[in-house]
Amino acid sequence: KKLETQLSKPQRTSSAKQSSLSLKAANTSEDSLLEEAEK
């Protein structure tokens, strides 16, 4: 317990950053009918 209290919280930026990057990578008009249909 003493060790655990001294530990900093594990960085959880990876999933948030991953989601952000995935959203950027997917074209901003990804949800439009035309983008999705032609793709």
All heavy atoms as atom14 arrays in JSON, in Angstrom:
{
  "sequence": "KKLETQLSKPQRTSSAKQSSLSLKAANTSEDSLLEEAEK",
  "atom14_mask": [
    [1, 1, 1, 1, 1, 1, 1, 1, 1, 0, 0, 0, 0, 0],
    [1, 1, 1, 1, 1, 1, 1, 1, 1, 0, 0, 0, 0, 0],
    [1, 1, 1, 1, 1, 1, 1, 1, 0, 0, 0, 0, 0, 0],
    [1, 1, 1, 1, 1, 1, 1, 1, 1, 0, 0, 0, 0, 0],
    [1, 1, 1, 1, 1, 1, 1, 0, 0, 0, 0, 0, 0, 0],
    [1, 1, 1, 1, 1, 1, 1, 1, 1, 0, 0, 0, 0, 0],
    [1, 1, 1, 1, 1, 1, 1, 1, 0, 0, 0, 0, 0, 0],
    [1, 1, 1, 1, 1, 1, 0, 0, 0, 0, 0, 0, 0, 0],
    [1, 1, 1, 1, 1, 1, 1, 1, 1, 0, 0, 0, 0, 0],
    [1, 1, 1, 1, 1, 1, 1, 0, 0, 0, 0, 0, 0, 0],
    [1, 1, 1, 1, 1, 1, 1, 1, 1, 0, 0, 0, 0, 0],
    [1, 1, 1, 1, 1, 1, 1, 1, 1, 1, 1, 0, 0, 0],
    [1, 1, 1, 1, 1, 1, 1, 0, 0, 0, 0, 0, 0, 0],
    [1, 1, 1, 1, 1, 1, 0, 0, 0, 0, 0, 0, 0, 0],
    [1, 1, 1, 1, 1, 1, 0, 0, 0, 0, 0, 0, 0, 0],
    [1, 1, 1, 1, 1, 0, 0, 0, 0, 0, 0, 0, 0, 0],
    [1, 1, 1, 1, 1, 1, 1, 1, 1, 0, 0, 0, 0, 0],
    [1, 1, 1, 1, 1, 1, 1, 1, 1, 0, 0, 0, 0, 0],
    [1, 1, 1, 1, 1, 1, 0, 0, 0, 0, 0, 0, 0, 0],
    [1, 1, 1, 1, 1, 1, 0, 0, 0, 0, 0, 0, 0, 0],
    [1, 1, 1, 1, 1, 1, 1, 1, 0, 0, 0, 0, 0, 0],
    [1, 1, 1, 1, 1, 1, 0, 0, 0, 0, 0, 0, 0, 0],
    [1, 1, 1, 1, 1, 1, 1, 1, 0, 0, 0, 0, 0, 0],
    [1, 1, 1, 1, 1, 1, 1, 1, 1, 0, 0, 0, 0, 0],
    [1, 1, 1, 1, 1, 0, 0, 0, 0, 0, 0, 0, 0, 0],
    [1, 1, 1, 1, 1, 0, 0, 0, 0, 0, 0, 0, 0, 0],
    [1, 1, 1, 1, 1, 1, 1, 1, 0, 0, 0, 0, 0, 0],
    [1, 1, 1, 1, 1, 1, 1, 0, 0, 0, 0, 0, 0, 0],
    [1, 1, 1, 1, 1, 1, 0, 0, 0, 0, 0, 0, 0, 0],
    [1, 1, 1, 1, 1, 1, 1, 1, 1, 0, 0, 0, 0, 0],
    [1, 1, 1, 1, 1, 1, 1, 1, 0, 0, 0, 0, 0, 0],
    [1, 1, 1, 1, 1, 1, 0, 0, 0, 0, 0, 0, 0, 0],
    [1, 1, 1, 1, 1, 1, 1, 1, 0, 0, 0, 0, 0, 0],
    [1, 1, 1, 1, 1, 1, 1, 1, 0, 0, 0, 0, 0, 0],
    [1, 1, 1, 1, 1, 1, 1, 1, 1, 0, 0, 0, 0, 0],
    [1, 1, 1, 1, 1, 1, 1, 1, 1, 0, 0, 0, 0, 0],
    [1, 1, 1, 1, 1, 0, 0, 0, 0, 0, 0, 0, 0, 0],
    [1, 1, 1, 1, 1, 1, 1, 1, 1, 0, 0, 0, 0, 0],
    [1, 1, 1, 1, 1, 1, 1, 1, 1, 0, 0, 0, 0, 0]
  ],
  "atom14_positions": [
    [[0.83, -1.21, 0.0], [0.0, 0.0, 0.0], [0.86, 1.25, 0.0], [0.54, 2.25, -0.68], [-0.93, 0.0, 1.22], [-2.06, -1.03, 1.1], [-2.96, -0.99, 2.32], [-4.12, -1.98, 2.17], [-4.98, -1.99, 3.37], [0.0, 0.0, 0.0], [0.0, 0.0, 0.0], [0.0, 0.0, 0.0], [0.0, 0.0, 0.0], [0.0, 0.0, 0.0]],
    [[1.97, 1.21, 0.74], [2.85, 2.37, 0.8], [3.48, 2.66, -0.57], [3.56, 3.81, -1.01], [3.94, 2.15, 1.85], [4.74, 3.41, 2.14], [5.64, 3.23, 3.35], [6.36, 4.52, 3.67], [7.23, 4.4, 4.85], [0.0, 0.0, 0.0], [0.0, 0.0, 0.0], [0.0, 0.0, 0.0], [0.0, 0.0, 0.0], [0.0, 0.0, 0.0]],
    [[3.92, 1.58, -1.23], [4.48, 1.75, -2.58], [3.43, 2.29, -3.53], [3.69, 3.19, -4.33], [5.02, 0.41, -3.11], [6.33, -0.11, -2.51], [6.59, -1.53, -2.99], [7.5, 0.79, -2.92], [0.0, 0.0, 0.0], [0.0, 0.0, 0.0], [0.0, 0.0, 0.0], [0.0, 0.0, 0.0], [0.0, 0.0, 0.0], [0.0, 0.0, 0.0]],
    [[2.22, 1.74, -3.42], [1.14, 2.11, -4.33], [0.78, 3.6, -4.2], [0.52, 4.28, -5.2], [-0.09, 1.25, -4.05], [-0.95, 1.01, -5.26], [-2.03, -0.02, -4.98], [-2.47, -0.13, -3.81], [-2.43, -0.69, -5.93], [0.0, 0.0, 0.0], [0.0, 0.0, 0.0], [0.0, 0.0, 0.0], [0.0, 0.0, 0.0], [0.0, 0.0, 0.0]],
    [[0.8, 4.09, -2.97], [0.44, 5.5, -2.76], [1.51, 6.45, -3.32], [1.21, 7.6, -3.63], [0.24, 5.8, -1.26], [1.44, 5.46, -0.55], [-0.92, 5.02, -0.69], [0.0, 0.0, 0.0], [0.0, 0.0, 0.0], [0.0, 0.0, 0.0], [0.0, 0.0, 0.0], [0.0, 0.0, 0.0], [0.0, 0.0, 0.0], [0.0, 0.0, 0.0]],
    [[2.74, 5.96, -3.43], [3.82, 6.81, -3.94], [3.92, 6.81, -5.46], [4.63, 7.63, -6.04], [5.16, 6.34, -3.36], [5.27, 6.53, -1.85], [6.62, 6.05, -1.33], [7.65, 6.65, -1.58], [6.6, 4.93, -0.63], [0.0, 0.0, 0.0], [0.0, 0.0, 0.0], [0.0, 0.0, 0.0], [0.0, 0.0, 0.0], [0.0, 0.0, 0.0]],
    [[3.19, 5.88, -6.08], [3.26, 5.79, -7.54], [2.36, 6.83, -8.19], [1.23, 7.06, -7.75], [2.85, 4.39, -8.01], [3.72, 3.22, -7.55], [3.18, 1.92, -8.1], [5.17, 3.42, -8.0], [0.0, 0.0, 0.0], [0.0, 0.0, 0.0], [0.0, 0.0, 0.0], [0.0, 0.0, 0.0], [0.0, 0.0, 0.0], [0.0, 0.0, 0.0]],
    [[2.87, 7.43, -9.25], [2.03, 8.34, -10.03], [1.06, 7.5, -10.85], [1.32, 6.34, -11.14], [2.88, 9.21, -10.95], [3.64, 8.39, -11.82], [0.0, 0.0, 0.0], [0.0, 0.0, 0.0], [0.0, 0.0, 0.0], [0.0, 0.0, 0.0], [0.0, 0.0, 0.0], [0.0, 0.0, 0.0], [0.0, 0.0, 0.0], [0.0, 0.0, 0.0]],
    [[-0.07, 8.1, -11.22], [-1.06, 7.36, -12.0], [-0.49, 7.04, -13.37], [0.15, 7.9, -13.99], [-2.35, 8.16, -12.14], [-3.13, 8.27, -10.84], [-4.44, 9.01, -11.05], [-5.22, 9.09, -9.74], [-6.5, 9.8, -9.92], [0.0, 0.0, 0.0], [0.0, 0.0, 0.0], [0.0, 0.0, 0.0], [0.0, 0.0, 0.0], [0.0, 0.0, 0.0]],
    [[-0.73, 5.82, -13.87], [-0.24, 5.48, -15.21], [-0.81, 6.45, -16.24], [-1.97, 6.83, -16.15], [-0.78, 4.07, -15.45], [-1.09, 3.54, -14.1], [-1.46, 4.71, -13.26], [0.0, 0.0, 0.0], [0.0, 0.0, 0.0], [0.0, 0.0, 0.0], [0.0, 0.0, 0.0], [0.0, 0.0, 0.0], [0.0, 0.0, 0.0], [0.0, 0.0, 0.0]],
    [[0.04, 6.85, -17.16], [-0.42, 7.77, -18.2], [-1.47, 7.1, -19.06], [-1.28, 6.0, -19.55], [0.76, 8.2, -19.09], [1.77, 9.02, -18.32], [2.93, 9.41, -19.2], [3.04, 8.98, -20.33], [3.81, 10.23, -18.67], [0.0, 0.0, 0.0], [0.0, 0.0, 0.0], [0.0, 0.0, 0.0], [0.0, 0.0, 0.0], [0.0, 0.0, 0.0]],
    [[-2.57, 7.79, -19.22], [-3.66, 7.23, -20.02], [-3.9, 8.06, -21.28], [-4.98, 8.08, -21.82], [-4.94, 7.17, -19.19], [-4.79, 6.27, -17.97], [-6.11, 6.05, -17.29], [-5.97, 5.17, -16.16], [-6.02, 3.86, -16.22], [-6.17, 3.28, -17.39], [-5.9, 3.11, -15.16], [0.0, 0.0, 0.0], [0.0, 0.0, 0.0], [0.0, 0.0, 0.0]],
    [[-2.86, 8.73, -21.68], [-3.01, 9.6, -22.85], [-3.12, 8.79, -24.13], [-3.6, 9.28, -25.12], [-1.82, 10.55, -22.97], [-0.62, 9.76, -22.99], [-1.77, 11.5, -21.82], [0.0, 0.0, 0.0], [0.0, 0.0, 0.0], [0.0, 0.0, 0.0], [0.0, 0.0, 0.0], [0.0, 0.0, 0.0], [0.0, 0.0, 0.0], [0.0, 0.0, 0.0]],
    [[-2.63, 7.54, -24.08], [-2.54, 6.79, -25.33], [-3.89, 6.59, -26.0], [-4.04, 6.83, -27.17], [-1.89, 5.44, -25.09], [-2.62, 4.71, -24.12], [0.0, 0.0, 0.0], [0.0, 0.0, 0.0], [0.0, 0.0, 0.0], [0.0, 0.0, 0.0], [0.0, 0.0, 0.0], [0.0, 0.0, 0.0], [0.0, 0.0, 0.0], [0.0, 0.0, 0.0]],
    [[-4.91, 6.17, -25.21], [-6.19, 5.91, -25.84], [-6.86, 7.19, -26.31], [-7.43, 7.26, -27.38], [-7.12, 5.17, -24.86], [-7.3, 5.95, -23.69], [0.0, 0.0, 0.0], [0.0, 0.0, 0.0], [0.0, 0.0, 0.0], [0.0, 0.0, 0.0], [0.0, 0.0, 0.0], [0.0, 0.0, 0.0], [0.0, 0.0, 0.0], [0.0, 0.0, 0.0]],
    [[-6.75, 8.26, -25.47], [-7.35, 9.53, -25.87], [-6.64, 10.09, -27.1], [-7.27, 10.56, -28.04], [-7.26, 10.53, -24.72], [0.0, 0.0, 0.0], [0.0, 0.0, 0.0], [0.0, 0.0, 0.0], [0.0, 0.0, 0.0], [0.0, 0.0, 0.0], [0.0, 0.0, 0.0], [0.0, 0.0, 0.0], [0.0, 0.0, 0.0], [0.0, 0.0, 0.0]],
    [[-5.3, 10.0, -27.06], [-4.53, 10.51, -28.19], [-4.83, 9.69, -29.44], [-4.96, 10.22, -30.53], [-3.03, 10.42, -27.86], [-2.15, 11.18, -28.83], [-0.7, 11.05, -28.45], [-0.31, 11.97, -27.34], [1.13, 11.96, -27.06], [0.0, 0.0, 0.0], [0.0, 0.0, 0.0], [0.0, 0.0, 0.0], [0.0, 0.0, 0.0], [0.0, 0.0, 0.0]],
    [[-4.97, 8.37, -29.23], [-5.27, 7.49, -30.36], [-6.6, 7.86, -30.98], [-6.74, 7.94, -32.19], [-5.31, 6.03, -29.86], [-5.49, 5.0, -30.95], [-4.22, 4.83, -31.74], [-3.17, 5.26, -31.32], [-4.33, 4.24, -32.9], [0.0, 0.0, 0.0], [0.0, 0.0, 0.0], [0.0, 0.0, 0.0], [0.0, 0.0, 0.0], [0.0, 0.0, 0.0]],
    [[-7.6, 8.1, -30.12], [-8.92, 8.45, -30.64], [-8.86, 9.77, -31.4], [-9.45, 9.92, -32.47], [-9.92, 8.59, -29.48], [-10.01, 7.38, -28.79], [0.0, 0.0, 0.0], [0.0, 0.0, 0.0], [0.0, 0.0, 0.0], [0.0, 0.0, 0.0], [0.0, 0.0, 0.0], [0.0, 0.0, 0.0], [0.0, 0.0, 0.0], [0.0, 0.0, 0.0]],
    [[-8.12, 10.73, -30.82], [-7.99, 12.03, -31.47], [-7.34, 11.9, -32.84], [-7.79, 12.48, -33.82], [-7.16, 12.95, -30.58], [-6.83, 14.12, -31.24], [0.0, 0.0, 0.0], [0.0, 0.0, 0.0], [0.0, 0.0, 0.0], [0.0, 0.0, 0.0], [0.0, 0.0, 0.0], [0.0, 0.0, 0.0], [0.0, 0.0, 0.0], [0.0, 0.0, 0.0]],
    [[-6.27, 11.08, -32.89], [-5.57, 10.9, -34.16], [-6.45, 10.19, -35.17], [-6.43, 10.49, -36.35], [-4.28, 10.11, -33.93], [-3.18, 10.9, -33.25], [-2.16, 9.98, -32.64], [-2.52, 11.84, -34.24], [0.0, 0.0, 0.0], [0.0, 0.0, 0.0], [0.0, 0.0, 0.0], [0.0, 0.0, 0.0], [0.0, 0.0, 0.0], [0.0, 0.0, 0.0]],
    [[-7.2, 9.19, -34.68], [-8.06, 8.45, -35.59], [-9.12, 9.37, -36.19], [-9.45, 9.27, -37.36], [-8.74, 7.3, -34.85], [-7.78, 6.4, -34.39], [0.0, 0.0, 0.0], [0.0, 0.0, 0.0], [0.0, 0.0, 0.0], [0.0, 0.0, 0.0], [0.0, 0.0, 0.0], [0.0, 0.0, 0.0], [0.0, 0.0, 0.0], [0.0, 0.0, 0.0]],
    [[-9.62, 10.29, -35.33], [-10.64, 11.22, -35.84], [-10.04, 12.18, -36.86], [-10.67, 12.53, -37.85], [-11.23, 12.01, -34.66], [-12.17, 11.21, -33.76], [-12.49, 12.0, -32.51], [-13.44, 10.83, -34.49], [0.0, 0.0, 0.0], [0.0, 0.0, 0.0], [0.0, 0.0, 0.0], [0.0, 0.0, 0.0], [0.0, 0.0, 0.0], [0.0, 0.0, 0.0]],
    [[-8.78, 12.59, -36.6], [-8.14, 13.47, -37.57], [-7.89, 12.75, -38.88], [-8.06, 13.31, -39.95], [-6.79, 13.95, -37.02], [-6.89, 15.11, -36.08], [-5.49, 15.53, -35.68], [-5.53, 16.57, -34.59], [-4.19, 16.89, -34.11], [0.0, 0.0, 0.0], [0.0, 0.0, 0.0], [0.0, 0.0, 0.0], [0.0, 0.0, 0.0], [0.0, 0.0, 0.0]],
    [[-7.43, 11.48, -38.73], [-7.07, 10.74, -39.94], [-8.29, 10.45, -40.79], [-8.24, 10.51, -42.0], [-6.39, 9.43, -39.55], [0.0, 0.0, 0.0], [0.0, 0.0, 0.0], [0.0, 0.0, 0.0], [0.0, 0.0, 0.0], [0.0, 0.0, 0.0], [0.0, 0.0, 0.0], [0.0, 0.0, 0.0], [0.0, 0.0, 0.0], [0.0, 0.0, 0.0]],
    [[-9.39, 10.11, -40.14], [-10.61, 9.9, -40.92], [-11.01, 11.26, -41.44], [-11.05, 12.23, -40.71], [-11.69, 9.34, -40.02], [0.0, 0.0, 0.0], [0.0, 0.0, 0.0], [0.0, 0.0, 0.0], [0.0, 0.0, 0.0], [0.0, 0.0, 0.0], [0.0, 0.0, 0.0], [0.0, 0.0, 0.0], [0.0, 0.0, 0.0], [0.0, 0.0, 0.0]],
    [[-11.31, 11.36, -42.71], [-11.65, 12.64, -43.33], [-12.77, 13.31, -42.56], [-13.68, 12.65, -42.07], [-12.08, 12.37, -44.78], [-12.18, 13.61, -45.58], [-12.95, 14.5, -45.28], [-11.38, 13.67, -46.63], [0.0, 0.0, 0.0], [0.0, 0.0, 0.0], [0.0, 0.0, 0.0], [0.0, 0.0, 0.0], [0.0, 0.0, 0.0], [0.0, 0.0, 0.0]],
    [[-12.68, 14.64, -42.44], [-13.69, 15.35, -41.66], [-15.09, 15.17, -42.24], [-16.08, 15.31, -41.55], [-13.36, 16.86, -41.62], [-13.14, 17.31, -42.95], [-12.13, 17.12, -40.79], [0.0, 0.0, 0.0], [0.0, 0.0, 0.0], [0.0, 0.0, 0.0], [0.0, 0.0, 0.0], [0.0, 0.0, 0.0], [0.0, 0.0, 0.0], [0.0, 0.0, 0.0]],
    [[-15.17, 14.85, -43.52], [-16.47, 14.6, -44.14], [-16.78, 13.11, -44.23], [-17.57, 12.68, -45.06], [-16.52, 15.22, -45.54], [-15.51, 14.69, -46.36], [0.0, 0.0, 0.0], [0.0, 0.0, 0.0], [0.0, 0.0, 0.0], [0.0, 0.0, 0.0], [0.0, 0.0, 0.0], [0.0, 0.0, 0.0], [0.0, 0.0, 0.0], [0.0, 0.0, 0.0]],
    [[-16.14, 12.33, -43.39], [-16.28, 10.88, -43.4], [-17.74, 10.45, -43.28], [-18.14, 9.46, -43.88], [-15.44, 10.3, -42.23], [-15.58, 8.82, -42.01], [-14.56, 8.02, -42.81], [-13.68, 8.62, -43.42], [-14.68, 6.81, -42.83], [0.0, 0.0, 0.0], [0.0, 0.0, 0.0], [0.0, 0.0, 0.0], [0.0, 0.0, 0.0], [0.0, 0.0, 0.0]],
    [[-18.48, 11.18, -42.45], [-19.86, 10.79, -42.19], [-20.81, 11.17, -43.32], [-21.97, 10.78, -43.32], [-20.36, 11.43, -40.87], [-19.6, 10.9, -39.68], [-19.12, 9.76, -39.77], [-19.48, 11.63, -38.68], [0.0, 0.0, 0.0], [0.0, 0.0, 0.0], [0.0, 0.0, 0.0], [0.0, 0.0, 0.0], [0.0, 0.0, 0.0], [0.0, 0.0, 0.0]],
    [[-20.35, 11.98, -44.25], [-21.23, 12.37, -45.35], [-21.5, 11.17, -46.25], [-20.66, 10.29, -46.4], [-20.62, 13.5, -46.17], [-19.58, 12.99, -46.98], [0.0, 0.0, 0.0], [0.0, 0.0, 0.0], [0.0, 0.0, 0.0], [0.0, 0.0, 0.0], [0.0, 0.0, 0.0], [0.0, 0.0, 0.0], [0.0, 0.0, 0.0], [0.0, 0.0, 0.0]],
    [[-22.69, 11.16, -46.83], [-23.09, 10.06, -47.7], [-22.13, 9.88, -48.86], [-21.76, 8.76, -49.2], [-24.51, 10.32, -48.25], [-25.65, 9.54, -47.62], [-25.71, 9.77, -46.12], [-26.97, 9.93, -48.27], [0.0, 0.0, 0.0], [0.0, 0.0, 0.0], [0.0, 0.0, 0.0], [0.0, 0.0, 0.0], [0.0, 0.0, 0.0], [0.0, 0.0, 0.0]],
    [[-21.73, 10.97, -49.47], [-20.9, 10.89, -50.66], [-19.54, 10.29, -50.35], [-19.06, 9.4, -51.06], [-20.73, 12.29, -51.25], [-20.15, 12.38, -52.65], [-20.99, 11.62, -53.64], [-20.01, 13.83, -53.09], [0.0, 0.0, 0.0], [0.0, 0.0, 0.0], [0.0, 0.0, 0.0], [0.0, 0.0, 0.0], [0.0, 0.0, 0.0], [0.0, 0.0, 0.0]],
    [[-18.92, 10.76, -49.28], [-17.6, 10.27, -48.87], [-17.66, 8.76, -48.62], [-16.84, 7.99, -49.12], [-17.15, 11.01, -47.61], [-15.85, 10.5, -47.01], [-14.62, 11.06, -47.72], [-14.73, 12.11, -48.34], [-13.57, 10.41, -47.64], [0.0, 0.0, 0.0], [0.0, 0.0, 0.0], [0.0, 0.0, 0.0], [0.0, 0.0, 0.0], [0.0, 0.0, 0.0]],
    [[-18.66, 8.36, -47.84], [-18.77, 6.95, -47.47], [-19.09, 6.07, -48.67], [-18.53, 4.98, -48.84], [-19.85, 6.79, -46.39], [-19.89, 5.42, -45.75], [-18.61, 5.09, -45.01], [-18.02, 5.99, -44.39], [-18.18, 3.93, -45.09], [0.0, 0.0, 0.0], [0.0, 0.0, 0.0], [0.0, 0.0, 0.0], [0.0, 0.0, 0.0], [0.0, 0.0, 0.0]],
    [[-19.99, 6.56, -49.54], [-20.42, 5.76, -50.7], [-19.29, 5.56, -51.7], [-19.04, 4.43, -52.15], [-21.61, 6.44, -51.38], [0.0, 0.0, 0.0], [0.0, 0.0, 0.0], [0.0, 0.0, 0.0], [0.0, 0.0, 0.0], [0.0, 0.0, 0.0], [0.0, 0.0, 0.0], [0.0, 0.0, 0.0], [0.0, 0.0, 0.0], [0.0, 0.0, 0.0]],
    [[-18.59, 6.63, -52.05], [-17.51, 6.51, -53.02], [-16.37, 5.67, -52.47], [-15.75, 4.87, -53.18], [-17.03, 7.92, -53.43], [-18.09, 8.69, -54.2], [-17.56, 9.99, -54.81], [-16.35, 10.28, -54.66], [-18.35, 10.71, -55.44], [0.0, 0.0, 0.0], [0.0, 0.0, 0.0], [0.0, 0.0, 0.0], [0.0, 0.0, 0.0], [0.0, 0.0, 0.0]],
    [[-16.11, 5.83, -51.19], [-15.06, 5.03, -50.56], [-15.42, 3.55, -50.59], [-14.57, 2.69, -50.88], [-14.86, 5.5, -49.11], [-13.71, 4.8, -48.4], [-13.36, 5.5, -47.1], [-14.47, 5.36, -46.08], [-14.07, 5.92, -44.78], [0.0, 0.0, 0.0], [0.0, 0.0, 0.0], [0.0, 0.0, 0.0], [0.0, 0.0, 0.0], [0.0, 0.0, 0.0]]
  ]
}
